[in-house]
Amino acid sequence: MSSVVETVTDLVTPILDDHHFELVDVEFVKEGKSWYLRVFIDKPEGITIDECAMVSDQLSEKLDNCDPDPIPQAYYLEVSSPGAERPLKKEKDYQRALGKYIHVSLYQPFEGSKIYEGTMTDLSADELTIEYQDKTRTKTITIPRNKIAKARLAIKF
């Protein structure tokens, strides 16, 4: 599966570079009986449906012309925006999220919890700091980045 992600990343990057779009993520996953190749793209002012369709058409053509076929099984190609709860994967994603409300899932409990949701107030190469609500009190926690399983932007309710 990682070779599919690497191949698709190599194929889609020039398309995105031509249009000044950003590659957020590539997934190749099986759900039920079907395989899905998902490509998440964005740009600072947000990506449109027409732009997703254009990238999908160009990527589909490139994939169809690969020999040997990098994905021999049947699959569905989906090109879309990462959405409001965009994952934080690359360092620049974390940098952009500084000062924003985020959701962090940890590999194991840290200071009593595996999940923290709050505003990221500080960021370094080794850790990030979140200001969060614990009932009616505002607290701050600094989490080592190597303990983070997943992080994403979150919507505050």
C-alpha atoms as a PDB file:
ATOM      1  CA  MET A   1       0.000   0.000   0.000  1.00  0.00           C
ATOM      2  CA  SER A   2       2.824   2.450   0.732  1.00  0.00           C
ATOM      3  CA  SER A   3       4.167   1.979  -2.805  1.00  0.00           C
ATOM      4  CA  VAL A   4       0.743   2.991  -4.180  1.00  0.00           C
ATOM      5  CA  VAL A   5       0.764   6.126  -2.020  1.00  0.00           C
ATOM      6  CA  GLU A   6       4.334   6.940  -3.108  1.00  0.00           C
ATOM      7  CA  THR A   7       3.542   6.368  -6.799  1.00  0.00           C
ATOM      8  CA  VAL A   8       0.376   8.477  -6.653  1.00  0.00           C
ATOM      9  CA  THR A   9       2.239  11.219  -4.764  1.00  0.00           C
ATOM     10  CA  ASP A  10       4.899  11.268  -7.506  1.00  0.00           C
ATOM     11  CA  LEU A  11       2.223  11.389 -10.236  1.00  0.00           C
ATOM     12  CA  VAL A  12      -0.018  14.054  -8.678  1.00  0.00           C
ATOM     13  CA  THR A  13       2.699  16.453  -7.428  1.00  0.00           C
ATOM     14  CA  PRO A  14       3.529  17.962 -10.871  1.00  0.00           C
ATOM     15  CA  ILE A  15      -0.200  18.467 -11.561  1.00  0.00           C
ATOM     16  CA  LEU A  16      -0.624  20.290  -8.264  1.00  0.00           C
ATOM     17  CA  ASP A  17       2.575  22.305  -8.714  1.00  0.00           C
ATOM     18  CA  ASP A  18       1.320  23.549 -12.106  1.00  0.00           C
ATOM     19  CA  HIS A  19      -1.764  24.998 -10.418  1.00  0.00           C
ATOM     20  CA  HIS A  20      -0.131  26.097  -7.120  1.00  0.00           C
ATOM     21  CA  PHE A  21      -2.185  23.574  -5.134  1.00  0.00           C
ATOM     22  CA  GLU A  22      -0.933  21.744  -2.055  1.00  0.00           C
ATOM     23  CA  LEU A  23      -0.975  17.987  -1.532  1.00  0.00           C
ATOM     24  CA  VAL A  24      -2.385  17.420   1.956  1.00  0.00           C
ATOM     25  CA  ASP A  25      -2.567  13.623   1.993  1.00  0.00           C
ATOM     26  CA  VAL A  26      -2.918  10.451  -0.090  1.00  0.00           C
ATOM     27  CA  GLU A  27      -4.703   7.349   1.234  1.00  0.00           C
ATOM     28  CA  PHE A  28      -5.222   3.956  -0.317  1.00  0.00           C
ATOM     29  CA  VAL A  29      -7.679   2.076   1.877  1.00  0.00           C
ATOM     30  CA  LYS A  30     -10.083  -0.840   1.720  1.00  0.00           C
ATOM     31  CA  GLU A  31     -13.574  -0.203   3.064  1.00  0.00           C
ATOM     32  CA  GLY A  32     -15.882  -3.179   2.904  1.00  0.00           C
ATOM     33  CA  LYS A  33     -15.226  -4.893  -0.411  1.00  0.00           C
ATOM     34  CA  SER A  34     -14.049  -1.737  -2.211  1.00  0.00           C
ATOM     35  CA  TRP A  35     -10.689   0.015  -2.455  1.00  0.00           C
ATOM     36  CA  TYR A  36     -10.473   3.825  -2.362  1.00  0.00           C
ATOM     37  CA  LEU A  37      -7.641   6.027  -3.543  1.00  0.00           C
ATOM     38  CA  ARG A  38      -8.184   9.383  -1.823  1.00  0.00           C
ATOM     39  CA  VAL A  39      -6.173  12.455  -2.686  1.00  0.00           C
ATOM     40  CA  PHE A  40      -6.674  15.519  -0.490  1.00  0.00           C
ATOM     41  CA  ILE A  41      -5.649  18.863  -1.968  1.00  0.00           C
ATOM     42  CA  ASP A  42      -5.920  22.491  -0.906  1.00  0.00           C
ATOM     43  CA  LYS A  43      -4.797  26.049  -1.516  1.00  0.00           C
ATOM     44  CA  PRO A  44      -4.798  29.078   0.802  1.00  0.00           C
ATOM     45  CA  GLU A  45      -8.202  30.388  -0.316  1.00  0.00           C
ATOM     46  CA  GLY A  46      -9.741  26.904  -0.407  1.00  0.00           C
ATOM     47  CA  ILE A  47     -10.141  24.415  -3.237  1.00  0.00           C
ATOM     48  CA  THR A  48     -13.233  24.268  -5.489  1.00  0.00           C
ATOM     49  CA  ILE A  49     -15.151  21.271  -6.780  1.00  0.00           C
ATOM     50  CA  ASP A  50     -14.107  22.151 -10.334  1.00  0.00           C
ATOM     51  CA  GLU A  51     -10.440  22.184  -9.293  1.00  0.00           C
ATOM     52  CA  CYS A  52     -10.845  18.767  -7.631  1.00  0.00           C
ATOM     53  CA  ALA A  53     -12.488  17.414 -10.802  1.00  0.00           C
ATOM     54  CA  MET A  54      -9.674  18.793 -12.974  1.00  0.00           C
ATOM     55  CA  VAL A  55      -6.991  17.172 -10.778  1.00  0.00           C
ATOM     56  CA  SER A  56      -8.991  13.923 -10.728  1.00  0.00           C
ATOM     57  CA  ASP A  57      -9.194  13.878 -14.553  1.00  0.00           C
ATOM     58  CA  GLN A  58      -5.471  14.571 -14.990  1.00  0.00           C
ATOM     59  CA  LEU A  59      -4.404  12.076 -12.323  1.00  0.00           C
ATOM     60  CA  SER A  60      -6.750   9.415 -13.703  1.00  0.00           C
ATOM     61  CA  GLU A  61      -5.195   9.830 -17.146  1.00  0.00           C
ATOM     62  CA  LYS A  62      -1.682   9.508 -15.719  1.00  0.00           C
ATOM     63  CA  LEU A  63      -2.650   6.400 -13.741  1.00  0.00           C
ATOM     64  CA  ASP A  64      -4.256   4.837 -16.835  1.00  0.00           C
ATOM     65  CA  ASN A  65      -1.021   5.367 -18.789  1.00  0.00           C
ATOM     66  CA  CYS A  66       1.286   3.730 -16.206  1.00  0.00           C
ATOM     67  CA  ASP A  67       2.859   0.470 -17.265  1.00  0.00           C
ATOM     68  CA  PRO A  68       2.891  -1.650 -15.201  1.00  0.00           C
ATOM     69  CA  ASP A  69      -0.331  -0.581 -13.518  1.00  0.00           C
ATOM     70  CA  PRO A  70       0.554   0.625  -9.984  1.00  0.00           C
ATOM     71  CA  ILE A  71      -2.936  -0.367  -8.763  1.00  0.00           C
ATOM     72  CA  PRO A  72      -3.971  -3.647 -10.382  1.00  0.00           C
ATOM     73  CA  GLN A  73      -7.228  -4.047  -8.425  1.00  0.00           C
ATOM     74  CA  ALA A  74     -10.393  -2.026  -9.035  1.00  0.00           C
ATOM     75  CA  TYR A  75     -10.656   1.145  -6.945  1.00  0.00           C
ATOM     76  CA  TYR A  76     -12.515   4.426  -6.646  1.00  0.00           C
ATOM     77  CA  LEU A  77     -10.517   7.635  -7.113  1.00  0.00           C
ATOM     78  CA  GLU A  78     -11.631  10.527  -4.914  1.00  0.00           C
ATOM     79  CA  VAL A  79      -9.992  13.956  -5.058  1.00  0.00           C
ATOM     80  CA  SER A  80     -11.256  16.396  -2.451  1.00  0.00           C
ATOM     81  CA  SER A  81     -10.546  19.121   0.055  1.00  0.00           C
ATOM     82  CA  PRO A  82      -9.292  17.984   3.474  1.00  0.00           C
ATOM     83  CA  GLY A  83     -12.291  19.776   5.017  1.00  0.00           C
ATOM     84  CA  ALA A  84     -12.640  21.932   8.100  1.00  0.00           C
ATOM     85  CA  GLU A  85     -11.045  19.284  10.304  1.00  0.00           C
ATOM     86  CA  ARG A  86      -7.913  19.048   8.215  1.00  0.00           C
ATOM     87  CA  PRO A  87      -5.283  16.594   9.498  1.00  0.00           C
ATOM     88  CA  LEU A  88      -1.958  17.948  10.725  1.00  0.00           C
ATOM     89  CA  LYS A  89       0.668  15.778   9.101  1.00  0.00           C
ATOM     90  CA  LYS A  90       3.518  17.957   7.866  1.00  0.00           C
ATOM     91  CA  GLU A  91       5.505  20.492   9.856  1.00  0.00           C
ATOM     92  CA  LYS A  92       3.926  23.362   7.912  1.00  0.00           C
ATOM     93  CA  ASP A  93       0.461  22.033   8.885  1.00  0.00           C
ATOM     94  CA  TYR A  94       1.438  22.357  12.549  1.00  0.00           C
ATOM     95  CA  GLN A  95       2.918  25.822  11.955  1.00  0.00           C
ATOM     96  CA  ARG A  96      -0.316  26.996  10.286  1.00  0.00           C
ATOM     97  CA  ALA A  97      -2.372  25.583  13.164  1.00  0.00           C
ATOM     98  CA  LEU A  98      -0.552  27.643  15.801  1.00  0.00           C
ATOM     99  CA  GLY A  99      -3.220  29.713  17.571  1.00  0.00           C
ATOM    100  CA  LYS A 100      -6.027  27.501  16.248  1.00  0.00           C
ATOM    101  CA  TYR A 101      -8.328  24.985  17.906  1.00  0.00           C
ATOM    102  CA  ILE A 102      -7.023  21.426  17.429  1.00  0.00           C
ATOM    103  CA  HIS A 103      -7.819  17.825  18.405  1.00  0.00           C
ATOM    104  CA  VAL A 104      -4.910  15.584  19.442  1.00  0.00           C
ATOM    105  CA  SER A 105      -5.083  11.795  19.951  1.00  0.00           C
ATOM    106  CA  LEU A 106      -2.183  10.153  21.761  1.00  0.00           C
ATOM    107  CA  TYR A 107      -0.757   6.644  21.553  1.00  0.00           C
ATOM    108  CA  GLN A 108      -1.226   6.223  25.295  1.00  0.00           C
ATOM    109  CA  PRO A 109      -2.563   8.324  28.159  1.00  0.00           C
ATOM    110  CA  PHE A 110      -0.477  11.377  29.071  1.00  0.00           C
ATOM    111  CA  GLU A 111      -1.302  13.312  32.237  1.00  0.00           C
ATOM    112  CA  GLY A 112      -4.523  11.305  32.552  1.00  0.00           C
ATOM    113  CA  SER A 113      -5.954  11.405  29.016  1.00  0.00           C
ATOM    114  CA  LYS A 114      -5.405  10.093  25.485  1.00  0.00           C
ATOM    115  CA  ILE A 115      -7.326  12.963  23.851  1.00  0.00           C
ATOM    116  CA  TYR A 116      -6.869  16.707  24.158  1.00  0.00           C
ATOM    117  CA  GLU A 117      -8.805  19.424  22.373  1.00  0.00           C
ATOM    118  CA  GLY A 118      -7.968  23.101  22.684  1.00  0.00           C
ATOM    119  CA  THR A 119      -6.021  26.001  21.245  1.00  0.00           C
ATOM    120  CA  MET A 120      -2.404  25.324  20.288  1.00  0.00           C
ATOM    121  CA  THR A 121      -0.494  28.134  21.967  1.00  0.00           C
ATOM    122  CA  ASP A 122       3.098  27.033  21.406  1.00  0.00           C
ATOM    123  CA  LEU A 123       5.015  24.709  19.126  1.00  0.00           C
ATOM    124  CA  SER A 124       8.588  23.455  18.974  1.00  0.00           C
ATOM    125  CA  ALA A 125      10.313  20.621  17.172  1.00  0.00           C
ATOM    126  CA  ASP A 126       9.764  18.323  20.165  1.00  0.00           C
ATOM    127  CA  GLU A 127       6.468  19.396  21.752  1.00  0.00           C
ATOM    128  CA  LEU A 128       3.306  21.422  21.464  1.00  0.00           C
ATOM    129  CA  THR A 129       1.287  23.284  24.064  1.00  0.00           C
ATOM    130  CA  ILE A 130      -2.505  23.287  24.192  1.00  0.00           C
ATOM    131  CA  GLU A 131      -4.759  25.485  26.273  1.00  0.00           C
ATOM    132  CA  TYR A 132      -7.942  23.535  27.005  1.00  0.00           C
ATOM    133  CA  GLN A 133     -11.044  23.554  29.206  1.00  0.00           C
ATOM    134  CA  ASP A 134     -11.362  21.043  32.038  1.00  0.00           C
ATOM    135  CA  LYS A 135     -14.939  21.569  33.195  1.00  0.00           C
ATOM    136  CA  THR A 136     -14.925  25.290  34.078  1.00  0.00           C
ATOM    137  CA  ARG A 137     -11.149  25.709  34.432  1.00  0.00           C
ATOM    138  CA  THR A 138      -8.694  26.651  31.714  1.00  0.00           C
ATOM    139  CA  LYS A 139      -5.588  24.458  31.785  1.00  0.00           C
ATOM    140  CA  THR A 140      -2.424  24.210  29.758  1.00  0.00           C
ATOM    141  CA  ILE A 141      -0.575  21.042  28.786  1.00  0.00           C
ATOM    142  CA  THR A 142       2.682  20.561  26.900  1.00  0.00           C
ATOM    143  CA  ILE A 143       2.696  17.290  24.975  1.00  0.00           C
ATOM    144  CA  PRO A 144       5.787  15.614  23.500  1.00  0.00           C
ATOM    145  CA  ARG A 145       5.198  15.333  19.753  1.00  0.00           C
ATOM    146  CA  ASN A 146       6.431  11.724  19.677  1.00  0.00           C
ATOM    147  CA  LYS A 147       3.391  10.772  21.816  1.00  0.00           C
ATOM    148  CA  ILE A 148       0.922  12.123  19.202  1.00  0.00           C
ATOM    149  CA  ALA A 149      -0.845   9.455  17.128  1.00  0.00           C
ATOM    150  CA  LYS A 150      -3.028  11.913  15.174  1.00  0.00           C
ATOM    151  CA  ALA A 151      -3.677  15.634  15.183  1.00  0.00           C
ATOM    152  CA  ARG A 152      -6.180  17.709  13.234  1.00  0.00           C
ATOM    153  CA  LEU A 153      -7.910  21.034  13.202  1.00  0.00           C
ATOM    154  CA  ALA A 154     -11.162  20.933  15.162  1.00  0.00           C
ATOM    155  CA  ILE A 155     -14.379  22.881  15.269  1.00  0.00           C
ATOM    156  CA  LYS A 156     -15.154  24.409  18.643  1.00  0.00           C
ATOM    157  CA  PHE A 157     -18.773  24.078  19.749  1.00  0.00           C
END
